[in-house]
N, C-alpha and C. Protein backbone atom coordinates (compact mmCIF):
# COMPACT_ATOMS: atom_id res chain seq x y z
N MET A 1 160.46 77.11 -169.30
CA MET A 1 159.67 77.25 -168.07
C MET A 1 159.68 78.72 -167.65
N GLN A 2 158.49 79.20 -167.30
CA GLN A 2 158.33 80.58 -166.88
C GLN A 2 157.68 80.62 -165.50
N ILE A 3 158.14 81.53 -164.65
CA ILE A 3 157.55 81.70 -163.32
C ILE A 3 156.14 82.30 -163.46
N SER A 4 155.95 83.13 -164.47
CA SER A 4 154.64 83.79 -164.66
C SER A 4 153.52 82.79 -164.92
N GLU A 5 153.88 81.55 -165.34
CA GLU A 5 152.87 80.51 -165.56
C GLU A 5 152.15 80.17 -164.25
N HIS A 6 152.80 80.42 -163.12
CA HIS A 6 152.25 80.07 -161.81
C HIS A 6 151.63 81.27 -161.10
N LYS A 7 151.61 82.42 -161.77
CA LYS A 7 151.03 83.63 -161.19
C LYS A 7 149.58 83.41 -160.80
N ASN A 8 148.85 82.64 -161.61
CA ASN A 8 147.44 82.37 -161.35
C ASN A 8 147.23 81.69 -159.99
N ASP A 9 148.15 80.77 -159.62
CA ASP A 9 148.05 80.09 -158.32
C ASP A 9 148.19 81.10 -157.18
N PHE A 10 149.13 82.02 -157.32
CA PHE A 10 149.33 83.05 -156.29
C PHE A 10 148.12 83.98 -156.22
N ASP A 11 147.58 84.34 -157.41
CA ASP A 11 146.39 85.20 -157.46
C ASP A 11 145.21 84.55 -156.75
N LYS A 12 145.05 83.24 -156.96
CA LYS A 12 143.94 82.52 -156.32
C LYS A 12 144.07 82.56 -154.80
N ALA A 13 145.28 82.42 -154.28
CA ALA A 13 145.49 82.46 -152.83
C ALA A 13 145.11 83.83 -152.27
N VAL A 14 145.47 84.90 -152.97
CA VAL A 14 145.15 86.25 -152.51
C VAL A 14 143.64 86.51 -152.63
N GLU A 15 143.02 86.04 -153.71
CA GLU A 15 141.57 86.21 -153.88
C GLU A 15 140.81 85.47 -152.78
N TYR A 16 141.27 84.26 -152.47
CA TYR A 16 140.63 83.49 -151.40
C TYR A 16 140.69 84.28 -150.08
N LEU A 17 141.86 84.87 -149.80
CA LEU A 17 142.01 85.67 -148.58
C LEU A 17 141.01 86.83 -148.59
N LYS A 18 140.93 87.55 -149.70
CA LYS A 18 140.03 88.69 -149.79
C LYS A 18 138.58 88.27 -149.51
N ASN A 19 138.17 87.16 -150.11
CA ASN A 19 136.80 86.67 -149.89
C ASN A 19 136.61 86.21 -148.46
N ASP A 20 137.64 85.58 -147.90
CA ASP A 20 137.55 85.03 -146.56
C ASP A 20 137.40 86.13 -145.51
N ILE A 21 138.09 87.25 -145.68
CA ILE A 21 138.03 88.29 -144.65
C ILE A 21 136.83 89.23 -144.81
N THR A 22 136.07 89.10 -145.90
CA THR A 22 134.89 89.95 -146.03
C THR A 22 133.86 89.62 -144.95
N SER A 23 133.90 88.38 -144.44
CA SER A 23 132.93 88.00 -143.42
C SER A 23 133.33 88.52 -142.03
N LEU A 24 134.54 89.07 -141.90
CA LEU A 24 134.93 89.66 -140.62
C LEU A 24 134.18 90.97 -140.47
N ARG A 25 133.45 91.07 -139.39
CA ARG A 25 132.58 92.22 -139.20
C ARG A 25 133.35 93.48 -138.88
N THR A 26 133.02 94.52 -139.57
CA THR A 26 133.59 95.82 -139.27
C THR A 26 132.45 96.67 -138.72
N GLY A 27 132.59 97.95 -138.70
CA GLY A 27 131.56 98.81 -138.15
C GLY A 27 130.34 98.95 -139.06
N ARG A 28 130.41 98.44 -140.29
CA ARG A 28 129.32 98.62 -141.25
C ARG A 28 128.64 97.29 -141.57
N ALA A 29 127.35 97.36 -141.85
CA ALA A 29 126.59 96.18 -142.26
C ALA A 29 126.94 95.85 -143.71
N THR A 30 127.05 94.57 -144.01
CA THR A 30 127.30 94.12 -145.37
C THR A 30 126.69 92.74 -145.54
N THR A 31 126.26 92.42 -146.75
CA THR A 31 125.66 91.11 -146.99
C THR A 31 126.67 89.98 -146.81
N ALA A 32 127.94 90.29 -147.01
CA ALA A 32 128.99 89.27 -146.88
C ALA A 32 129.07 88.69 -145.47
N LEU A 33 128.55 89.41 -144.48
CA LEU A 33 128.56 88.91 -143.11
C LEU A 33 127.82 87.59 -142.97
N VAL A 34 126.70 87.47 -143.69
CA VAL A 34 125.82 86.32 -143.49
C VAL A 34 125.61 85.44 -144.71
N GLU A 35 125.98 85.88 -145.90
CA GLU A 35 125.59 85.16 -147.11
C GLU A 35 126.09 83.72 -147.18
N ASP A 36 127.19 83.40 -146.51
CA ASP A 36 127.71 82.04 -146.57
C ASP A 36 127.42 81.22 -145.32
N LEU A 37 126.58 81.75 -144.41
CA LEU A 37 126.22 80.97 -143.22
C LEU A 37 125.48 79.71 -143.65
N PRO A 38 125.86 78.53 -143.12
CA PRO A 38 125.17 77.29 -143.50
C PRO A 38 123.80 77.20 -142.83
N VAL A 39 122.77 76.93 -143.64
CA VAL A 39 121.39 76.81 -143.16
C VAL A 39 120.90 75.39 -143.50
N ASN A 40 120.25 74.74 -142.53
CA ASN A 40 119.63 73.44 -142.81
C ASN A 40 118.34 73.69 -143.57
N ALA A 41 118.35 73.35 -144.85
CA ALA A 41 117.17 73.58 -145.69
C ALA A 41 116.94 72.36 -146.57
N TYR A 42 115.74 71.82 -146.48
CA TYR A 42 115.34 70.70 -147.33
C TYR A 42 116.28 69.50 -147.18
N GLY A 43 116.70 69.25 -145.96
CA GLY A 43 117.52 68.08 -145.67
C GLY A 43 118.99 68.22 -146.01
N ALA A 44 119.43 69.41 -146.37
CA ALA A 44 120.84 69.62 -146.70
C ALA A 44 121.28 70.98 -146.15
N ARG A 45 122.59 71.13 -145.99
CA ARG A 45 123.13 72.43 -145.54
C ARG A 45 123.45 73.25 -146.78
N GLN A 46 122.87 74.46 -146.80
CA GLN A 46 123.06 75.35 -147.93
C GLN A 46 123.47 76.72 -147.43
N PRO A 47 124.21 77.48 -148.24
CA PRO A 47 124.54 78.84 -147.81
C PRO A 47 123.27 79.69 -147.76
N LEU A 48 123.25 80.62 -146.87
CA LEU A 48 122.07 81.48 -146.68
C LEU A 48 121.66 82.17 -147.98
N LYS A 49 122.64 82.58 -148.78
CA LYS A 49 122.31 83.28 -150.03
C LYS A 49 121.53 82.40 -151.01
N ALA A 50 121.53 81.06 -150.78
CA ALA A 50 120.81 80.15 -151.67
C ALA A 50 119.35 79.95 -151.25
N VAL A 51 118.96 80.48 -150.08
CA VAL A 51 117.60 80.26 -149.60
C VAL A 51 116.82 81.55 -149.37
N GLY A 52 117.42 82.69 -149.65
CA GLY A 52 116.70 83.93 -149.43
C GLY A 52 117.44 85.14 -149.96
N THR A 53 116.79 86.28 -149.83
CA THR A 53 117.35 87.55 -150.26
C THR A 53 117.95 88.27 -149.06
N ILE A 54 119.14 88.80 -149.23
CA ILE A 54 119.83 89.51 -148.14
C ILE A 54 119.99 90.96 -148.58
N ASN A 55 119.52 91.88 -147.73
CA ASN A 55 119.62 93.31 -148.04
C ASN A 55 120.23 94.07 -146.88
N VAL A 56 120.95 95.14 -147.20
CA VAL A 56 121.46 96.04 -146.17
C VAL A 56 120.47 97.21 -146.10
N LEU A 57 119.81 97.34 -144.94
CA LEU A 57 118.82 98.41 -144.78
C LEU A 57 119.48 99.75 -144.45
N ASP A 58 120.48 99.72 -143.58
CA ASP A 58 121.26 100.90 -143.27
C ASP A 58 122.63 100.44 -142.78
N ALA A 59 123.45 101.36 -142.29
CA ALA A 59 124.82 101.04 -141.91
C ALA A 59 124.93 99.99 -140.80
N LYS A 60 123.86 99.80 -140.03
CA LYS A 60 123.91 98.86 -138.91
C LYS A 60 122.87 97.75 -138.98
N THR A 61 122.13 97.62 -140.10
CA THR A 61 121.03 96.66 -140.16
C THR A 61 121.05 95.85 -141.46
N VAL A 62 120.90 94.53 -141.30
CA VAL A 62 120.81 93.61 -142.43
C VAL A 62 119.45 92.91 -142.34
N ALA A 63 118.75 92.77 -143.47
CA ALA A 63 117.47 92.07 -143.50
C ALA A 63 117.61 90.83 -144.38
N ILE A 64 117.05 89.72 -143.89
CA ILE A 64 117.07 88.47 -144.64
C ILE A 64 115.61 88.08 -144.89
N GLU A 65 115.26 87.91 -146.16
CA GLU A 65 113.90 87.50 -146.50
C GLU A 65 113.97 86.15 -147.20
N PRO A 66 113.59 85.08 -146.49
CA PRO A 66 113.65 83.75 -147.12
C PRO A 66 112.59 83.61 -148.21
N TRP A 67 112.92 82.85 -149.26
CA TRP A 67 111.97 82.62 -150.34
C TRP A 67 110.87 81.68 -149.87
N ASP A 68 111.23 80.79 -148.94
CA ASP A 68 110.26 79.86 -148.35
C ASP A 68 110.15 80.21 -146.87
N LYS A 69 108.99 80.71 -146.46
CA LYS A 69 108.81 81.19 -145.09
C LYS A 69 108.99 80.08 -144.05
N SER A 70 108.88 78.81 -144.47
CA SER A 70 109.06 77.71 -143.51
C SER A 70 110.52 77.60 -143.06
N LEU A 71 111.43 78.32 -143.71
CA LEU A 71 112.84 78.27 -143.34
C LEU A 71 113.23 79.36 -142.33
N MET A 72 112.28 80.18 -141.92
CA MET A 72 112.57 81.29 -140.98
C MET A 72 113.30 80.78 -139.73
N VAL A 73 112.77 79.71 -139.13
CA VAL A 73 113.35 79.19 -137.88
C VAL A 73 114.78 78.70 -138.12
N GLU A 74 115.00 78.01 -139.24
CA GLU A 74 116.34 77.49 -139.55
C GLU A 74 117.33 78.64 -139.80
N ILE A 75 116.89 79.69 -140.45
CA ILE A 75 117.76 80.84 -140.71
C ILE A 75 118.10 81.54 -139.40
N GLU A 76 117.09 81.72 -138.55
CA GLU A 76 117.33 82.31 -137.23
C GLU A 76 118.37 81.51 -136.47
N LYS A 77 118.20 80.19 -136.50
CA LYS A 77 119.12 79.28 -135.78
C LYS A 77 120.54 79.41 -136.34
N ALA A 78 120.66 79.47 -137.67
CA ALA A 78 121.98 79.60 -138.30
C ALA A 78 122.68 80.89 -137.86
N VAL A 79 121.94 81.98 -137.80
CA VAL A 79 122.52 83.27 -137.39
C VAL A 79 122.90 83.21 -135.91
N ARG A 80 122.00 82.69 -135.10
CA ARG A 80 122.24 82.62 -133.66
C ARG A 80 123.45 81.72 -133.33
N ASP A 81 123.60 80.61 -134.08
CA ASP A 81 124.70 79.67 -133.82
C ASP A 81 126.03 80.12 -134.42
N SER A 82 126.00 81.16 -135.26
CA SER A 82 127.24 81.63 -135.89
C SER A 82 128.09 82.39 -134.87
N SER A 83 129.29 82.70 -135.27
CA SER A 83 130.21 83.44 -134.38
C SER A 83 130.03 84.95 -134.49
N LEU A 84 128.95 85.39 -135.13
CA LEU A 84 128.75 86.83 -135.35
C LEU A 84 128.36 87.58 -134.09
N GLY A 85 127.74 86.89 -133.15
CA GLY A 85 127.31 87.57 -131.92
C GLY A 85 126.14 88.50 -132.15
N ILE A 86 125.25 88.13 -133.08
CA ILE A 86 124.09 88.95 -133.42
C ILE A 86 122.83 88.16 -133.06
N ASN A 87 121.87 88.85 -132.44
CA ASN A 87 120.60 88.21 -132.11
C ASN A 87 119.57 88.57 -133.18
N PRO A 88 119.09 87.58 -133.96
CA PRO A 88 118.14 87.87 -135.03
C PRO A 88 116.74 88.18 -134.50
N VAL A 89 116.01 89.05 -135.20
CA VAL A 89 114.63 89.40 -134.84
C VAL A 89 113.74 88.99 -136.01
N ASN A 90 112.77 88.11 -135.73
CA ASN A 90 111.86 87.61 -136.75
C ASN A 90 110.56 88.42 -136.69
N ASN A 91 110.24 89.13 -137.78
CA ASN A 91 109.00 89.92 -137.79
C ASN A 91 107.90 89.24 -138.61
N GLY A 92 108.09 87.96 -138.95
CA GLY A 92 107.09 87.21 -139.71
C GLY A 92 107.35 87.20 -141.20
N LYS A 93 107.93 88.28 -141.74
CA LYS A 93 108.26 88.35 -143.16
C LYS A 93 109.76 88.30 -143.38
N GLN A 94 110.50 88.92 -142.48
CA GLN A 94 111.95 89.04 -142.61
C GLN A 94 112.61 88.72 -141.28
N ILE A 95 113.90 88.46 -141.37
CA ILE A 95 114.72 88.35 -140.17
C ILE A 95 115.63 89.56 -140.19
N ILE A 96 115.54 90.37 -139.14
CA ILE A 96 116.31 91.61 -139.07
C ILE A 96 117.50 91.38 -138.14
N LEU A 97 118.67 91.79 -138.63
CA LEU A 97 119.90 91.69 -137.83
C LEU A 97 120.39 93.10 -137.55
N ALA A 98 120.28 93.52 -136.31
CA ALA A 98 120.78 94.83 -135.91
C ALA A 98 122.19 94.62 -135.35
N LEU A 99 123.16 95.18 -136.03
CA LEU A 99 124.54 94.98 -135.61
C LEU A 99 124.86 95.86 -134.41
N PRO A 100 125.25 95.25 -133.30
CA PRO A 100 125.61 96.06 -132.15
C PRO A 100 126.95 96.76 -132.39
N GLN A 101 127.19 97.81 -131.64
CA GLN A 101 128.46 98.52 -131.72
C GLN A 101 129.58 97.55 -131.31
N LEU A 102 130.67 97.57 -132.02
CA LEU A 102 131.79 96.68 -131.68
C LEU A 102 132.46 97.15 -130.39
N THR A 103 132.66 96.22 -129.47
CA THR A 103 133.38 96.55 -128.24
C THR A 103 134.87 96.41 -128.52
N SER A 104 135.67 96.96 -127.64
CA SER A 104 137.13 96.86 -127.84
C SER A 104 137.57 95.40 -127.76
N GLU A 105 136.90 94.59 -126.92
CA GLU A 105 137.25 93.16 -126.82
C GLU A 105 136.93 92.45 -128.14
N ARG A 106 135.75 92.77 -128.71
CA ARG A 106 135.34 92.13 -129.96
C ARG A 106 136.27 92.55 -131.10
N ARG A 107 136.68 93.82 -131.09
CA ARG A 107 137.63 94.28 -132.11
C ARG A 107 138.94 93.49 -132.00
N ALA A 108 139.41 93.29 -130.77
CA ALA A 108 140.65 92.54 -130.55
C ALA A 108 140.50 91.10 -131.05
N GLU A 109 139.34 90.50 -130.79
CA GLU A 109 139.08 89.13 -131.27
C GLU A 109 139.10 89.09 -132.79
N LEU A 110 138.43 90.07 -133.43
CA LEU A 110 138.39 90.11 -134.89
C LEU A 110 139.78 90.28 -135.49
N ILE A 111 140.59 91.11 -134.85
CA ILE A 111 141.95 91.33 -135.35
C ILE A 111 142.77 90.04 -135.21
N LYS A 112 142.54 89.33 -134.12
CA LYS A 112 143.23 88.05 -133.91
C LYS A 112 142.85 87.06 -135.03
N VAL A 113 141.55 86.98 -135.34
CA VAL A 113 141.08 86.11 -136.42
C VAL A 113 141.66 86.56 -137.75
N LEU A 114 141.70 87.88 -137.97
CA LEU A 114 142.28 88.42 -139.20
C LEU A 114 143.73 87.97 -139.35
N HIS A 115 144.50 88.07 -138.27
CA HIS A 115 145.92 87.67 -138.32
C HIS A 115 146.06 86.18 -138.64
N GLN A 116 145.15 85.36 -138.11
CA GLN A 116 145.18 83.92 -138.41
C GLN A 116 144.92 83.69 -139.90
N LYS A 117 143.96 84.42 -140.45
CA LYS A 117 143.64 84.27 -141.87
C LYS A 117 144.80 84.76 -142.75
N LEU A 118 145.45 85.85 -142.33
CA LEU A 118 146.59 86.36 -143.08
C LEU A 118 147.73 85.33 -143.06
N GLU A 119 147.96 84.72 -141.91
CA GLU A 119 149.00 83.71 -141.81
C GLU A 119 148.66 82.50 -142.68
N GLY A 120 147.39 82.14 -142.73
CA GLY A 120 146.95 81.04 -143.60
C GLY A 120 147.26 81.34 -145.06
N ALA A 121 147.06 82.59 -145.46
CA ALA A 121 147.37 82.98 -146.84
C ALA A 121 148.86 82.92 -147.10
N ARG A 122 149.67 83.35 -146.12
CA ARG A 122 151.13 83.28 -146.28
C ARG A 122 151.58 81.82 -146.40
N ILE A 123 150.97 80.94 -145.63
CA ILE A 123 151.30 79.52 -145.70
C ILE A 123 150.96 78.98 -147.09
N SER A 124 149.82 79.40 -147.64
CA SER A 124 149.45 78.99 -149.01
C SER A 124 150.50 79.43 -150.01
N LEU A 125 150.97 80.68 -149.86
CA LEU A 125 152.02 81.18 -150.76
C LEU A 125 153.29 80.35 -150.65
N ARG A 126 153.66 80.01 -149.40
CA ARG A 126 154.88 79.20 -149.21
C ARG A 126 154.73 77.83 -149.86
N LYS A 127 153.55 77.24 -149.75
CA LYS A 127 153.32 75.93 -150.35
C LYS A 127 153.43 76.00 -151.87
N ILE A 128 152.82 77.04 -152.45
CA ILE A 128 152.91 77.23 -153.90
C ILE A 128 154.37 77.42 -154.30
N ARG A 129 155.10 78.24 -153.51
CA ARG A 129 156.52 78.48 -153.80
C ARG A 129 157.30 77.17 -153.79
N GLU A 130 157.06 76.33 -152.79
CA GLU A 130 157.77 75.05 -152.70
C GLU A 130 157.45 74.16 -153.90
N ASP A 131 156.17 74.15 -154.31
CA ASP A 131 155.78 73.35 -155.48
C ASP A 131 156.51 73.82 -156.73
N VAL A 132 156.58 75.14 -156.91
CA VAL A 132 157.25 75.70 -158.10
C VAL A 132 158.75 75.41 -158.02
N LYS A 133 159.34 75.53 -156.81
CA LYS A 133 160.77 75.21 -156.66
C LYS A 133 161.04 73.77 -157.05
N ASP A 134 160.15 72.87 -156.63
CA ASP A 134 160.31 71.45 -157.00
C ASP A 134 160.28 71.28 -158.51
N LEU A 135 159.38 72.02 -159.18
CA LEU A 135 159.31 71.94 -160.64
C LEU A 135 160.61 72.43 -161.28
N ILE A 136 161.17 73.50 -160.72
CA ILE A 136 162.43 74.05 -161.24
C ILE A 136 163.55 73.03 -161.08
N MET A 137 163.62 72.44 -159.88
CA MET A 137 164.68 71.45 -159.62
C MET A 137 164.53 70.23 -160.54
N THR A 138 163.30 69.80 -160.75
CA THR A 138 163.04 68.66 -161.63
C THR A 138 163.44 69.00 -163.06
N ALA A 139 163.10 70.23 -163.49
CA ALA A 139 163.46 70.65 -164.84
C ALA A 139 164.98 70.65 -165.02
N GLU A 140 165.71 71.08 -163.97
CA GLU A 140 167.18 71.08 -164.07
C GLU A 140 167.70 69.65 -164.10
N LYS A 141 167.14 68.79 -163.27
CA LYS A 141 167.58 67.39 -163.21
C LYS A 141 167.33 66.69 -164.54
N ASP A 142 166.21 67.05 -165.20
CA ASP A 142 165.86 66.45 -166.49
C ASP A 142 166.60 67.12 -167.65
N LYS A 143 167.50 68.04 -167.33
CA LYS A 143 168.31 68.76 -168.32
C LYS A 143 167.47 69.66 -169.23
N ALA A 144 166.26 70.04 -168.77
CA ALA A 144 165.42 70.94 -169.56
C ALA A 144 165.92 72.39 -169.42
N ILE A 145 166.55 72.68 -168.27
CA ILE A 145 167.14 74.01 -168.06
C ILE A 145 168.54 73.82 -167.47
N GLY A 146 169.36 74.86 -167.62
CA GLY A 146 170.70 74.81 -167.07
C GLY A 146 170.74 75.38 -165.66
N GLU A 147 171.93 75.32 -165.03
CA GLU A 147 172.09 75.80 -163.66
C GLU A 147 171.84 77.31 -163.56
N ASP A 148 172.36 78.06 -164.55
CA ASP A 148 172.17 79.51 -164.54
C ASP A 148 170.68 79.87 -164.62
N GLU A 149 169.97 79.16 -165.49
CA GLU A 149 168.54 79.43 -165.63
C GLU A 149 167.79 79.06 -164.35
N ARG A 150 168.23 77.99 -163.68
CA ARG A 150 167.59 77.59 -162.42
C ARG A 150 167.72 78.72 -161.40
N TYR A 151 168.93 79.28 -161.28
CA TYR A 151 169.13 80.39 -160.34
C TYR A 151 168.26 81.60 -160.70
N LYS A 152 168.17 81.90 -161.98
CA LYS A 152 167.36 83.02 -162.45
C LYS A 152 165.89 82.78 -162.12
N LEU A 153 165.40 81.56 -162.38
CA LEU A 153 163.99 81.23 -162.09
C LEU A 153 163.71 81.30 -160.59
N GLN A 154 164.64 80.80 -159.78
CA GLN A 154 164.45 80.84 -158.33
C GLN A 154 164.43 82.29 -157.83
N GLU A 155 165.28 83.12 -158.43
CA GLU A 155 165.31 84.54 -158.06
C GLU A 155 163.99 85.22 -158.42
N ASP A 156 163.48 84.93 -159.63
CA ASP A 156 162.19 85.49 -160.06
C ASP A 156 161.06 85.01 -159.15
N LEU A 157 161.12 83.75 -158.76
CA LEU A 157 160.10 83.18 -157.88
C LEU A 157 160.11 83.89 -156.53
N GLU A 158 161.29 84.10 -155.96
CA GLU A 158 161.38 84.78 -154.66
C GLU A 158 160.86 86.21 -154.75
N LYS A 159 161.15 86.88 -155.86
CA LYS A 159 160.65 88.24 -156.05
C LYS A 159 159.12 88.24 -156.12
N MET A 160 158.55 87.27 -156.85
CA MET A 160 157.10 87.18 -156.97
C MET A 160 156.46 86.90 -155.60
N VAL A 161 157.04 85.99 -154.84
CA VAL A 161 156.51 85.66 -153.51
C VAL A 161 156.57 86.88 -152.61
N LYS A 162 157.66 87.63 -152.69
CA LYS A 162 157.80 88.84 -151.88
C LYS A 162 156.71 89.85 -152.23
N ASP A 163 156.43 90.02 -153.54
CA ASP A 163 155.38 90.93 -153.99
C ASP A 163 154.01 90.51 -153.44
N TYR A 164 153.74 89.21 -153.50
CA TYR A 164 152.44 88.72 -153.01
C TYR A 164 152.34 88.82 -151.49
N ASN A 165 153.44 88.63 -150.79
CA ASN A 165 153.42 88.83 -149.34
C ASN A 165 153.13 90.28 -148.99
N GLU A 166 153.65 91.21 -149.80
CA GLU A 166 153.36 92.63 -149.60
C GLU A 166 151.87 92.91 -149.83
N LYS A 167 151.29 92.26 -150.85
CA LYS A 167 149.85 92.43 -151.10
C LYS A 167 149.05 91.96 -149.89
N ILE A 168 149.42 90.81 -149.35
CA ILE A 168 148.72 90.26 -148.18
C ILE A 168 148.85 91.20 -147.00
N LYS A 169 150.05 91.75 -146.81
CA LYS A 169 150.28 92.68 -145.71
C LYS A 169 149.39 93.91 -145.87
N THR A 170 149.32 94.45 -147.08
CA THR A 170 148.50 95.63 -147.36
C THR A 170 147.02 95.34 -147.11
N ILE A 171 146.55 94.20 -147.59
CA ILE A 171 145.15 93.80 -147.38
C ILE A 171 144.87 93.72 -145.89
N GLY A 172 145.78 93.11 -145.14
CA GLY A 172 145.62 92.97 -143.69
C GLY A 172 145.58 94.30 -142.98
N GLU A 173 146.47 95.21 -143.37
CA GLU A 173 146.51 96.53 -142.74
C GLU A 173 145.22 97.31 -143.00
N GLU A 174 144.71 97.22 -144.24
CA GLU A 174 143.46 97.91 -144.57
C GLU A 174 142.30 97.35 -143.77
N LYS A 175 142.23 96.02 -143.66
CA LYS A 175 141.12 95.40 -142.93
C LYS A 175 141.22 95.72 -141.43
N GLU A 176 142.43 95.74 -140.91
CA GLU A 176 142.62 96.06 -139.49
C GLU A 176 142.18 97.50 -139.22
N LYS A 177 142.51 98.40 -140.14
CA LYS A 177 142.09 99.81 -140.00
C LYS A 177 140.57 99.90 -140.03
N GLU A 178 139.95 99.11 -140.92
CA GLU A 178 138.50 99.07 -141.05
C GLU A 178 137.85 98.56 -139.76
N ILE A 179 138.43 97.52 -139.17
CA ILE A 179 137.89 96.96 -137.92
C ILE A 179 138.02 97.96 -136.78
N ASN A 180 139.13 98.68 -136.73
CA ASN A 180 139.38 99.62 -135.63
C ASN A 180 138.65 100.95 -135.78
N SER A 181 138.16 101.26 -136.98
CA SER A 181 137.46 102.54 -137.14
C SER A 181 136.08 102.44 -136.48
N VAL A 182 135.74 103.49 -135.76
CA VAL A 182 134.48 103.50 -135.00
C VAL A 182 133.37 104.10 -135.82
């Protein structure tokens, strides 16, 4: 039994966090802000990226061009109902999202959400760690490994979890700096 066999599970938790926090708005426009917004299209909820083209026009503006113009109203509604706090402008061909300047209150809210997402990632790591610990204990009980090897594996596991917690901390600090930059 090797601890490195479970590295992929830890990597997935960190990747999920990275993808999850891309939707947190910083001072710059990005397609990640809106691409996963659920839109009612053709009787089902679909991500915005599945019903149109999303472009960044400049540092503060995102344009959404639906492939089917009949979805304009639904896309507008999806943006308006989201937690982004952006008012969409429909010019008949595109929906333009002008990102307002972040207020200090909004920055504080975003940082609070960021901390919740970081804690969620840490909880995922702890769950993975517990699952791997259970596997180690079962392996020892089944006489597949000895007591010394169990201690070594648990030590390696704790070191790996510590490394991944550091990665999460670094990701969080970078995103917080990005949110606070004007």
